[in-house]
C-alpha cells in the first residue's frame, strides 16, 4: 500500500493570475464580389463544344477506317478470285497448246504434214540488202496502160 500523502502535497501550487481580457475580435466580412458569370459561361460553352466536336470527329474517323477495311477485304477477295481464274485459264491454254492437241486440230481442219522440209538460208541482219529491180521487163505492157 502506498504511503499516506499529506494534504499540502495534494493541493496544487498557486495559480498565476489570468491576463487581462482582450476585447472580442470583430470580424469584417469582405464586400460581396460581383459574379463573373458572363466570362465563365462562354468558356464552358466553347470547351463543351470542342470536346463534343473532338469526340464526334473520332467516331467519324473510326467509321471511315472501318469502311476502308471492308472495301479492302472485298477487293482482296476479288483479287483472290481473279488469281484463281487466271491460274485455271493458264492451265487451259497449256492443255490446248500441247503438240498432240495442235496436230489433232490441224488434221480436223484438213491440214496435212509436209512431205519435205526445206530450210531457208540465214540472212545476216547487219548487212544491207540490195535494192530490188522494179523496172518492167522489155516487151511487156504495163498493167496501167489500157489496150485500144
N, C-alpha and C. Protein backbone atom coordinates (compact mmCIF):
# COMPACT_ATOMS: atom_id res chain seq x y z
N UNK A 1 0.82 -1.15 0.00
CA UNK A 1 0.00 0.00 0.00
C UNK A 1 0.88 1.24 0.00
N UNK A 2 0.46 2.23 -0.70
CA UNK A 2 1.31 3.42 -0.78
C UNK A 2 1.25 4.23 0.52
N UNK A 3 2.31 4.96 0.74
CA UNK A 3 2.34 5.76 1.98
C UNK A 3 1.30 6.87 1.92
N UNK A 4 0.76 7.33 3.05
CA UNK A 4 -0.24 8.39 3.06
C UNK A 4 0.36 9.72 2.59
N UNK A 5 -0.40 10.44 1.80
CA UNK A 5 0.06 11.71 1.24
C UNK A 5 -0.58 12.82 2.05
N UNK A 6 0.24 13.84 2.34
CA UNK A 6 -0.28 14.93 3.15
C UNK A 6 -1.18 15.82 2.31
N UNK A 7 -2.02 16.61 2.98
CA UNK A 7 -2.98 17.46 2.28
C UNK A 7 -2.27 18.59 1.55
N UNK A 8 -1.09 19.00 2.01
CA UNK A 8 -0.35 20.07 1.35
C UNK A 8 0.19 19.57 0.02
N UNK A 9 0.56 18.32 -0.01
CA UNK A 9 1.10 17.77 -1.24
C UNK A 9 -0.02 17.58 -2.27
N UNK A 10 -1.23 17.37 -1.79
CA UNK A 10 -2.35 17.17 -2.72
C UNK A 10 -2.82 18.48 -3.33
N UNK A 11 -2.56 19.56 -2.70
CA UNK A 11 -3.02 20.84 -3.17
C UNK A 11 -2.08 21.34 -4.27
N UNK A 12 -2.61 21.80 -5.35
CA UNK A 12 -1.74 22.29 -6.42
C UNK A 12 -1.09 23.60 -6.02
N UNK A 13 -0.04 23.93 -6.74
CA UNK A 13 0.70 25.15 -6.45
C UNK A 13 -0.18 26.35 -6.79
N UNK A 14 0.19 27.49 -6.33
CA UNK A 14 -0.62 28.69 -6.53
C UNK A 14 -0.73 28.99 -8.01
N UNK A 15 -1.90 29.36 -8.42
CA UNK A 15 -2.15 29.64 -9.82
C UNK A 15 -1.78 31.07 -10.13
N UNK A 16 -1.19 31.25 -11.33
CA UNK A 16 -0.89 32.64 -11.69
C UNK A 16 -2.18 33.37 -12.04
N UNK A 17 -2.13 34.66 -11.94
CA UNK A 17 -3.30 35.48 -12.21
C UNK A 17 -3.55 35.51 -13.71
N UNK A 18 -4.78 35.38 -14.15
CA UNK A 18 -5.04 35.43 -15.58
C UNK A 18 -4.76 36.82 -16.13
N UNK A 19 -4.34 36.83 -17.40
CA UNK A 19 -4.03 38.11 -18.07
C UNK A 19 -5.33 38.86 -18.28
N UNK A 20 -5.22 40.17 -18.41
CA UNK A 20 -6.45 40.93 -18.61
C UNK A 20 -7.13 40.50 -19.91
N UNK A 21 -8.38 40.52 -19.91
CA UNK A 21 -9.16 40.06 -21.07
C UNK A 21 -9.03 41.04 -22.22
N UNK A 22 -8.82 40.44 -23.38
CA UNK A 22 -8.76 41.27 -24.58
C UNK A 22 -10.17 41.55 -25.06
N UNK A 23 -10.32 42.63 -25.78
CA UNK A 23 -11.66 42.88 -26.30
C UNK A 23 -11.97 41.84 -27.38
N UNK A 24 -13.19 41.48 -27.55
CA UNK A 24 -13.54 40.46 -28.54
C UNK A 24 -13.18 40.94 -29.96
N UNK A 25 -12.77 39.97 -30.79
CA UNK A 25 -12.40 40.27 -32.17
C UNK A 25 -13.64 40.59 -32.98
N UNK A 26 -13.46 41.57 -33.84
CA UNK A 26 -14.57 41.90 -34.71
C UNK A 26 -14.24 41.35 -36.10
N UNK A 27 -15.14 40.64 -36.65
CA UNK A 27 -14.94 40.06 -37.97
C UNK A 27 -15.51 40.99 -39.02
N UNK A 28 -14.67 41.22 -40.05
CA UNK A 28 -15.14 42.06 -41.15
C UNK A 28 -15.47 41.14 -42.31
N UNK A 29 -16.62 41.27 -42.81
CA UNK A 29 -17.00 40.49 -43.98
C UNK A 29 -16.56 41.29 -45.20
N UNK A 30 -15.89 40.60 -46.15
CA UNK A 30 -15.47 41.34 -47.34
C UNK A 30 -16.68 41.76 -48.15
N UNK A 31 -16.47 42.79 -48.90
CA UNK A 31 -17.56 43.29 -49.73
C UNK A 31 -17.92 42.22 -50.75
N UNK A 32 -19.16 42.03 -51.03
CA UNK A 32 -19.55 40.99 -51.99
C UNK A 32 -18.96 41.30 -53.38
N UNK A 33 -18.33 40.26 -53.96
CA UNK A 33 -17.74 40.43 -55.29
C UNK A 33 -18.82 40.19 -56.33
N UNK A 34 -18.76 40.95 -57.38
CA UNK A 34 -19.75 40.68 -58.44
C UNK A 34 -19.39 39.37 -59.14
N UNK A 35 -20.38 38.60 -59.44
CA UNK A 35 -20.14 37.31 -60.10
C UNK A 35 -19.82 37.57 -61.57
N UNK A 36 -18.83 36.82 -62.07
CA UNK A 36 -18.41 36.96 -63.47
C UNK A 36 -18.92 35.80 -64.29
N UNK A 37 -20.19 35.60 -64.22
CA UNK A 37 -20.78 34.52 -65.00
C UNK A 37 -20.65 34.80 -66.49
N UNK A 38 -20.64 36.04 -66.85
CA UNK A 38 -20.59 36.37 -68.26
C UNK A 38 -19.27 35.89 -68.88
N UNK A 39 -18.18 35.84 -68.13
CA UNK A 39 -16.91 35.36 -68.67
C UNK A 39 -16.82 33.84 -68.58
N UNK A 40 -17.35 33.25 -67.57
CA UNK A 40 -17.22 31.81 -67.36
C UNK A 40 -18.13 31.01 -68.29
N UNK A 41 -19.31 31.48 -68.53
CA UNK A 41 -20.27 30.73 -69.31
C UNK A 41 -19.80 30.50 -70.75
N UNK A 42 -19.31 31.50 -71.48
CA UNK A 42 -18.83 31.23 -72.85
C UNK A 42 -17.63 30.27 -72.85
N UNK A 43 -16.79 30.36 -71.86
CA UNK A 43 -15.63 29.47 -71.81
C UNK A 43 -16.08 28.03 -71.64
N UNK A 44 -17.04 27.81 -70.77
CA UNK A 44 -17.57 26.46 -70.57
C UNK A 44 -18.27 25.99 -71.84
N UNK A 45 -18.99 26.87 -72.48
CA UNK A 45 -19.69 26.51 -73.71
C UNK A 45 -18.70 26.14 -74.81
N UNK A 46 -17.66 26.92 -74.98
CA UNK A 46 -16.65 26.63 -76.01
C UNK A 46 -15.94 25.32 -75.70
N UNK A 47 -15.59 25.11 -74.44
CA UNK A 47 -14.91 23.87 -74.06
C UNK A 47 -15.82 22.67 -74.33
N UNK A 48 -17.09 22.80 -74.00
CA UNK A 48 -18.03 21.70 -74.25
C UNK A 48 -18.17 21.41 -75.73
N UNK A 49 -18.27 22.45 -76.53
CA UNK A 49 -18.38 22.26 -77.98
C UNK A 49 -17.13 21.60 -78.53
N UNK A 50 -15.96 22.02 -78.06
CA UNK A 50 -14.70 21.41 -78.52
C UNK A 50 -14.61 19.94 -78.13
N UNK A 51 -15.01 19.61 -76.95
CA UNK A 51 -14.96 18.22 -76.50
C UNK A 51 -15.93 17.36 -77.32
N UNK A 52 -17.15 17.84 -77.47
CA UNK A 52 -18.14 17.07 -78.23
C UNK A 52 -17.71 16.96 -79.70
N UNK A 53 -17.18 18.04 -80.26
CA UNK A 53 -16.70 18.01 -81.63
C UNK A 53 -15.55 17.04 -81.82
N UNK A 54 -14.62 17.02 -80.88
CA UNK A 54 -13.50 16.08 -81.00
C UNK A 54 -13.98 14.64 -80.87
N UNK A 55 -14.93 14.38 -79.99
CA UNK A 55 -15.47 13.02 -79.87
C UNK A 55 -16.18 12.59 -81.15
N UNK A 56 -16.95 13.50 -81.73
CA UNK A 56 -17.62 13.18 -82.98
C UNK A 56 -16.63 12.95 -84.11
N UNK A 57 -15.57 13.74 -84.15
CA UNK A 57 -14.56 13.53 -85.21
C UNK A 57 -13.86 12.19 -85.03
N UNK A 58 -13.64 11.76 -83.80
CA UNK A 58 -13.05 10.44 -83.57
C UNK A 58 -14.00 9.35 -84.05
N UNK A 59 -15.28 9.50 -83.79
CA UNK A 59 -16.26 8.50 -84.23
C UNK A 59 -16.31 8.45 -85.76
N UNK A 60 -16.31 9.61 -86.41
CA UNK A 60 -16.36 9.65 -87.87
C UNK A 60 -15.09 9.02 -88.46
N UNK A 61 -13.94 9.35 -87.89
CA UNK A 61 -12.68 8.77 -88.38
C UNK A 61 -12.67 7.26 -88.21
N UNK A 62 -13.18 6.78 -87.09
CA UNK A 62 -13.24 5.33 -86.86
C UNK A 62 -14.18 4.68 -87.89
N UNK A 63 -15.28 5.33 -88.20
CA UNK A 63 -16.20 4.80 -89.20
C UNK A 63 -15.54 4.74 -90.57
N UNK A 64 -14.80 5.78 -90.93
CA UNK A 64 -14.11 5.79 -92.22
C UNK A 64 -13.07 4.67 -92.29
N UNK A 65 -12.36 4.45 -91.21
CA UNK A 65 -11.36 3.36 -91.19
C UNK A 65 -12.06 2.02 -91.35
N UNK A 66 -13.19 1.85 -90.67
CA UNK A 66 -13.93 0.58 -90.77
C UNK A 66 -14.43 0.37 -92.20
N UNK A 67 -14.93 1.42 -92.84
CA UNK A 67 -15.38 1.29 -94.22
C UNK A 67 -14.22 0.95 -95.15
N UNK A 68 -13.07 1.56 -94.91
CA UNK A 68 -11.89 1.25 -95.71
C UNK A 68 -11.46 -0.19 -95.54
N UNK A 69 -11.56 -0.71 -94.33
CA UNK A 69 -11.21 -2.10 -94.09
C UNK A 69 -12.18 -3.04 -94.81
N UNK A 70 -13.44 -2.69 -94.83
CA UNK A 70 -14.43 -3.52 -95.53
C UNK A 70 -14.14 -3.52 -97.03
N UNK A 71 -13.86 -2.32 -97.59
CA UNK A 71 -13.52 -2.25 -99.02
C UNK A 71 -12.26 -3.05 -99.32
N UNK A 72 -11.27 -2.96 -98.43
CA UNK A 72 -10.02 -3.69 -98.63
C UNK A 72 -10.27 -5.19 -98.62
N UNK A 73 -11.07 -5.68 -97.69
CA UNK A 73 -11.38 -7.11 -97.63
C UNK A 73 -12.12 -7.55 -98.89
N UNK A 74 -13.05 -6.72 -99.37
CA UNK A 74 -13.80 -7.06 -100.59
C UNK A 74 -12.85 -7.09 -101.80
N UNK A 75 -11.97 -6.12 -101.90
CA UNK A 75 -11.02 -6.07 -103.02
C UNK A 75 -10.05 -7.25 -102.96
N UNK A 76 -9.63 -7.61 -101.76
CA UNK A 76 -8.73 -8.76 -101.63
C UNK A 76 -9.42 -10.04 -102.06
N UNK A 77 -10.70 -10.19 -101.72
CA UNK A 77 -11.41 -11.40 -102.15
C UNK A 77 -11.59 -11.41 -103.67
N UNK A 78 -11.85 -10.24 -104.28
CA UNK A 78 -11.94 -10.18 -105.74
C UNK A 78 -10.60 -10.53 -106.38
N UNK A 79 -9.50 -10.04 -105.80
CA UNK A 79 -8.18 -10.34 -106.34
C UNK A 79 -7.88 -11.83 -106.24
N UNK A 80 -8.25 -12.45 -105.13
CA UNK A 80 -8.03 -13.90 -104.97
C UNK A 80 -8.85 -14.68 -106.00
N UNK A 81 -10.09 -14.26 -106.23
CA UNK A 81 -10.93 -14.92 -107.24
C UNK A 81 -10.33 -14.77 -108.63
N UNK A 82 -9.87 -13.56 -108.95
CA UNK A 82 -9.26 -13.32 -110.26
C UNK A 82 -7.97 -14.13 -110.43
N UNK A 83 -7.20 -14.26 -109.37
CA UNK A 83 -5.96 -15.04 -109.43
C UNK A 83 -6.27 -16.51 -109.67
N UNK A 84 -7.29 -17.03 -109.01
CA UNK A 84 -7.70 -18.43 -109.22
C UNK A 84 -8.17 -18.64 -110.66
N UNK A 85 -8.96 -17.70 -111.17
CA UNK A 85 -9.44 -17.80 -112.55
C UNK A 85 -8.28 -17.71 -113.53
N UNK A 86 -7.30 -16.85 -113.27
CA UNK A 86 -6.13 -16.74 -114.15
C UNK A 86 -5.35 -18.05 -114.19
N UNK A 87 -5.17 -18.68 -113.04
CA UNK A 87 -4.46 -19.96 -113.00
C UNK A 87 -5.22 -21.03 -113.78
N UNK A 88 -6.55 -21.05 -113.66
CA UNK A 88 -7.35 -22.02 -114.41
C UNK A 88 -7.22 -21.77 -115.91
N UNK A 89 -7.22 -20.52 -116.33
CA UNK A 89 -7.08 -20.20 -117.75
C UNK A 89 -5.68 -20.54 -118.26
N UNK A 90 -4.66 -20.35 -117.44
CA UNK A 90 -3.30 -20.73 -117.85
C UNK A 90 -3.20 -22.23 -118.06
N UNK A 91 -3.84 -23.00 -117.19
CA UNK A 91 -3.84 -24.46 -117.35
C UNK A 91 -4.58 -24.84 -118.63
N UNK A 92 -5.70 -24.18 -118.91
CA UNK A 92 -6.46 -24.48 -120.12
C UNK A 92 -5.65 -24.14 -121.37
N UNK A 93 -4.95 -23.02 -121.37
CA UNK A 93 -4.12 -22.64 -122.51
C UNK A 93 -2.98 -23.65 -122.69
N UNK A 94 -2.38 -24.06 -121.59
CA UNK A 94 -1.30 -25.04 -121.68
C UNK A 94 -1.81 -26.36 -122.25
N UNK A 95 -3.00 -26.78 -121.85
CA UNK A 95 -3.55 -28.03 -122.37
C UNK A 95 -3.89 -27.91 -123.86
N UNK A 96 -4.43 -26.76 -124.27
CA UNK A 96 -4.80 -26.59 -125.67
C UNK A 96 -3.59 -26.36 -126.57
N UNK A 97 -2.49 -25.91 -126.02
CA UNK A 97 -1.31 -25.67 -126.85
C UNK A 97 -0.33 -26.84 -126.83
N UNK A 98 -0.73 -27.95 -126.27
CA UNK A 98 0.12 -29.14 -126.28
C UNK A 98 0.26 -29.62 -127.73
N UNK A 99 1.42 -30.14 -128.13
CA UNK A 99 1.65 -30.53 -129.54
C UNK A 99 0.62 -31.52 -130.06
N UNK A 100 0.26 -32.55 -129.31
CA UNK A 100 -0.69 -33.53 -129.82
C UNK A 100 -2.07 -32.91 -130.06
N UNK A 101 -2.47 -31.94 -129.23
CA UNK A 101 -3.76 -31.26 -129.42
C UNK A 101 -3.71 -30.41 -130.69
N UNK A 102 -2.58 -29.71 -130.92
CA UNK A 102 -2.44 -28.87 -132.10
C UNK A 102 -2.48 -29.73 -133.37
N UNK A 103 -1.79 -30.87 -133.37
CA UNK A 103 -1.78 -31.76 -134.54
C UNK A 103 -3.18 -32.29 -134.80
N UNK A 104 -3.90 -32.68 -133.77
CA UNK A 104 -5.27 -33.20 -133.91
C UNK A 104 -6.19 -32.14 -134.51
N UNK A 105 -6.10 -30.92 -134.01
CA UNK A 105 -6.93 -29.83 -134.53
C UNK A 105 -6.58 -29.54 -135.99
N UNK A 106 -5.27 -29.57 -136.32
CA UNK A 106 -4.87 -29.30 -137.70
C UNK A 106 -5.41 -30.38 -138.64
N UNK A 107 -5.39 -31.63 -138.25
CA UNK A 107 -5.92 -32.71 -139.08
C UNK A 107 -7.43 -32.56 -139.26
N UNK A 108 -8.12 -32.13 -138.22
CA UNK A 108 -9.56 -31.93 -138.33
C UNK A 108 -9.89 -30.80 -139.29
N UNK A 109 -8.99 -29.83 -139.39
CA UNK A 109 -9.20 -28.71 -140.31
C UNK A 109 -8.74 -29.04 -141.73
N UNK A 110 -8.21 -30.24 -141.94
CA UNK A 110 -7.80 -30.67 -143.28
C UNK A 110 -6.34 -30.41 -143.59
N UNK A 111 -5.56 -30.06 -142.68
CA UNK A 111 -4.15 -29.83 -142.92
C UNK A 111 -3.41 -31.16 -142.89
N UNK A 112 -2.33 -31.22 -143.67
CA UNK A 112 -1.52 -32.44 -143.71
C UNK A 112 -0.08 -32.09 -143.40
N UNK A 113 0.68 -33.06 -142.98
CA UNK A 113 2.09 -32.85 -142.69
C UNK A 113 2.84 -32.70 -144.01
N UNK A 114 3.85 -31.83 -144.10
CA UNK A 114 4.60 -31.66 -145.35
C UNK A 114 5.41 -32.91 -145.68
N UNK A 115 5.59 -33.17 -146.97
CA UNK A 115 6.39 -34.33 -147.39
C UNK A 115 7.86 -34.02 -147.33
N UNK A 116 8.20 -32.77 -147.48
CA UNK A 116 9.60 -32.39 -147.50
C UNK A 116 9.74 -31.06 -146.76
N UNK A 117 10.81 -30.92 -145.98
CA UNK A 117 11.06 -29.69 -145.23
C UNK A 117 12.30 -29.05 -145.81
N UNK A 118 12.20 -27.80 -146.19
CA UNK A 118 13.32 -27.06 -146.77
C UNK A 118 13.71 -25.96 -145.78
N UNK A 119 14.98 -25.94 -145.42
CA UNK A 119 15.47 -24.87 -144.53
C UNK A 119 15.89 -23.68 -145.37
N UNK A 120 15.49 -22.51 -144.97
CA UNK A 120 15.87 -21.30 -145.68
C UNK A 120 17.24 -20.86 -145.20
N UNK A 121 18.02 -20.27 -146.10
CA UNK A 121 19.35 -19.81 -145.68
C UNK A 121 19.21 -18.64 -144.72
N UNK A 122 20.15 -18.52 -143.84
CA UNK A 122 20.10 -17.41 -142.89
C UNK A 122 20.63 -16.16 -143.55
N UNK A 123 20.05 -15.05 -143.19
CA UNK A 123 20.43 -13.75 -143.75
C UNK A 123 20.95 -12.92 -142.60
N UNK A 124 22.17 -12.38 -142.74
CA UNK A 124 22.68 -11.52 -141.65
C UNK A 124 21.87 -10.23 -141.59
N UNK A 125 21.57 -9.81 -140.41
CA UNK A 125 20.72 -8.63 -140.24
C UNK A 125 21.53 -7.34 -140.22
N UNK A 126 22.85 -7.45 -140.08
CA UNK A 126 23.64 -6.24 -140.01
C UNK A 126 24.16 -5.79 -141.37
N UNK A 127 23.85 -6.52 -142.44
CA UNK A 127 24.25 -6.16 -143.81
C UNK A 127 23.02 -5.71 -144.56
N UNK A 128 23.16 -4.59 -145.27
CA UNK A 128 22.03 -4.06 -146.04
C UNK A 128 21.78 -4.92 -147.26
N UNK A 129 20.53 -5.16 -147.59
CA UNK A 129 20.15 -5.94 -148.77
C UNK A 129 20.20 -5.05 -150.00
N UNK A 130 20.49 -5.63 -151.19
CA UNK A 130 20.50 -4.82 -152.41
C UNK A 130 19.08 -4.38 -152.75
N UNK A 131 18.96 -3.25 -153.40
CA UNK A 131 17.67 -2.70 -153.79
C UNK A 131 17.14 -3.55 -154.94
N UNK A 132 15.91 -4.05 -154.86
CA UNK A 132 15.37 -4.88 -155.94
C UNK A 132 15.10 -4.06 -157.19
N UNK A 133 15.18 -4.72 -158.34
CA UNK A 133 14.92 -4.07 -159.63
C UNK A 133 13.42 -4.11 -159.87
N UNK A 134 12.79 -2.96 -159.89
CA UNK A 134 11.34 -2.90 -160.06
C UNK A 134 10.92 -2.40 -161.43
N UNK A 135 11.89 -2.26 -162.37
CA UNK A 135 11.55 -1.77 -163.72
C UNK A 135 10.87 -2.89 -164.48
N UNK A 136 9.87 -2.55 -165.31
CA UNK A 136 9.19 -3.58 -166.08
C UNK A 136 10.14 -4.18 -167.13
N UNK A 137 9.91 -5.41 -167.43
CA UNK A 137 10.73 -6.09 -168.43
C UNK A 137 10.41 -5.55 -169.81
N UNK A 138 11.39 -5.65 -170.75
CA UNK A 138 11.19 -5.13 -172.10
C UNK A 138 10.16 -5.98 -172.83
N UNK A 139 9.31 -5.36 -173.56
CA UNK A 139 8.33 -6.06 -174.36
C UNK A 139 7.05 -6.37 -173.59
N UNK A 140 6.97 -6.03 -172.36
CA UNK A 140 5.72 -6.29 -171.66
C UNK A 140 4.98 -4.98 -171.52
N UNK A 141 3.72 -5.08 -171.46
CA UNK A 141 2.93 -3.87 -171.30
C UNK A 141 2.69 -3.65 -169.82
N UNK A 142 2.58 -2.42 -169.52
CA UNK A 142 2.33 -2.04 -168.15
C UNK A 142 0.89 -2.36 -167.80
N UNK A 143 0.62 -2.83 -166.60
CA UNK A 143 -0.76 -3.10 -166.25
C UNK A 143 -1.61 -1.86 -166.20
N UNK A 144 -0.98 -0.70 -166.11
CA UNK A 144 -1.77 0.54 -166.05
C UNK A 144 -2.14 1.02 -167.44
N UNK A 145 -1.44 0.55 -168.47
CA UNK A 145 -1.78 1.01 -169.83
C UNK A 145 -3.02 0.25 -170.30
N UNK A 146 -3.86 0.94 -170.97
CA UNK A 146 -5.08 0.29 -171.44
C UNK A 146 -4.95 -0.07 -172.90
N UNK A 147 -5.52 -1.15 -173.28
CA UNK A 147 -5.46 -1.60 -174.69
C UNK A 147 -6.55 -0.90 -175.46
N UNK A 148 -6.23 -0.46 -176.78
CA UNK A 148 -7.29 0.22 -177.55
C UNK A 148 -8.26 -0.71 -178.16
